[in-house]
Protein backbone atom coordinates (compact mmCIF):
# COMPACT_ATOMS: atom_id res chain seq x y z
CA MET A 1 0.00 0.00 0.00
CA ALA A 2 2.78 2.41 0.87
CA SER A 3 4.57 1.54 -2.36
CA GLU A 4 1.40 2.37 -4.33
CA LEU A 5 1.23 5.80 -2.69
CA LEU A 6 4.89 6.36 -3.44
CA LEU A 7 4.42 5.24 -7.05
CA ASP A 8 1.45 7.61 -7.41
CA LYS A 9 3.52 10.54 -6.15
CA LEU A 10 6.44 9.61 -8.37
CA HIS A 11 4.11 9.26 -11.36
CA ALA A 12 2.84 12.80 -10.74
CA ILE A 13 6.44 14.01 -10.69
CA LYS A 14 7.10 12.12 -13.93
CA LEU A 15 4.16 13.89 -15.55
CA ARG A 16 5.60 17.23 -14.43
CA PHE A 17 8.98 16.20 -15.86
CA GLU A 18 7.38 15.38 -19.20
CA GLU A 19 5.45 18.65 -19.16
CA LEU A 20 8.66 20.56 -18.49
CA GLY A 21 10.34 18.72 -21.35
CA GLN A 22 7.65 19.94 -23.70
CA GLN A 23 7.72 23.48 -22.36
CA ILE A 24 11.47 23.95 -22.71
CA THR A 25 11.22 23.11 -26.41
CA ASP A 26 8.44 25.65 -26.98
CA PRO A 27 9.75 28.65 -28.97
CA ILE A 28 7.68 31.03 -26.81
CA VAL A 29 9.33 29.72 -23.64
CA ILE A 30 12.76 29.75 -25.25
CA SER A 31 12.33 33.41 -26.12
CA ASP A 32 11.63 34.21 -22.44
CA VAL A 33 15.13 33.61 -21.07
CA LYS A 34 14.25 33.88 -17.38
CA ARG A 35 11.36 31.43 -17.70
CA TYR A 36 13.41 29.09 -19.85
CA ILE A 37 16.26 29.01 -17.31
CA LYS A 38 13.83 28.38 -14.45
CA LEU A 39 12.03 25.55 -16.24
CA ASN A 40 15.27 24.04 -17.53
CA LYS A 41 16.74 24.01 -14.02
CA GLU A 42 13.64 22.29 -12.63
CA TYR A 43 13.74 19.79 -15.50
CA HIS A 44 17.36 18.88 -14.86
CA ASN A 45 16.83 18.67 -11.09
CA LEU A 46 14.04 16.15 -11.61
CA GLY A 47 16.12 13.99 -13.97
CA PRO A 48 17.84 11.84 -11.31
CA LEU A 49 14.54 11.37 -9.48
CA ILE A 50 12.88 10.16 -12.67
CA GLU A 51 15.72 7.70 -13.25
CA SER A 52 15.25 6.39 -9.71
CA TYR A 53 11.49 6.21 -10.28
CA HIS A 54 11.99 4.00 -13.33
CA ALA A 55 14.39 1.76 -11.42
CA TYR A 56 12.01 1.52 -8.45
CA LYS A 57 9.06 0.78 -10.70
CA ASN A 58 11.08 -1.97 -12.39
CA VAL A 59 11.99 -3.52 -9.03
CA VAL A 60 8.36 -3.44 -7.86
CA SER A 61 7.28 -5.08 -11.11
CA ASN A 62 9.96 -7.76 -10.84
CA LEU A 63 8.99 -8.44 -7.23
CA ALA A 64 5.33 -8.86 -8.21
CA GLU A 65 6.31 -11.24 -11.00
CA ALA A 66 8.52 -13.26 -8.63
CA ARG A 67 5.69 -13.52 -6.08
CA GLU A 68 3.33 -14.70 -8.82
CA ILE A 69 5.79 -17.36 -9.95
CA ILE A 70 6.24 -18.58 -6.37
CA GLN A 71 2.47 -18.78 -5.83
CA ASN A 72 1.92 -20.67 -9.09
CA GLU A 73 4.65 -23.21 -8.39
CA LYS A 74 3.05 -24.47 -5.16
């Protein structure tokens, strides 16, 4: 249950990361240097967290698969 809550929060952060990725390629944002720098900084700060999110999600998935295999073998 706690891992689901964590995954939900991390998913929301991933959506923000993707949104930022789209915004920093928008010509209007690029022309506003202050906004571009702010969004780009936030985007790059979220990068390591997103990498960890993907790794964590992979581990949770692998764990669920392993539990399923163990249950089916009995």
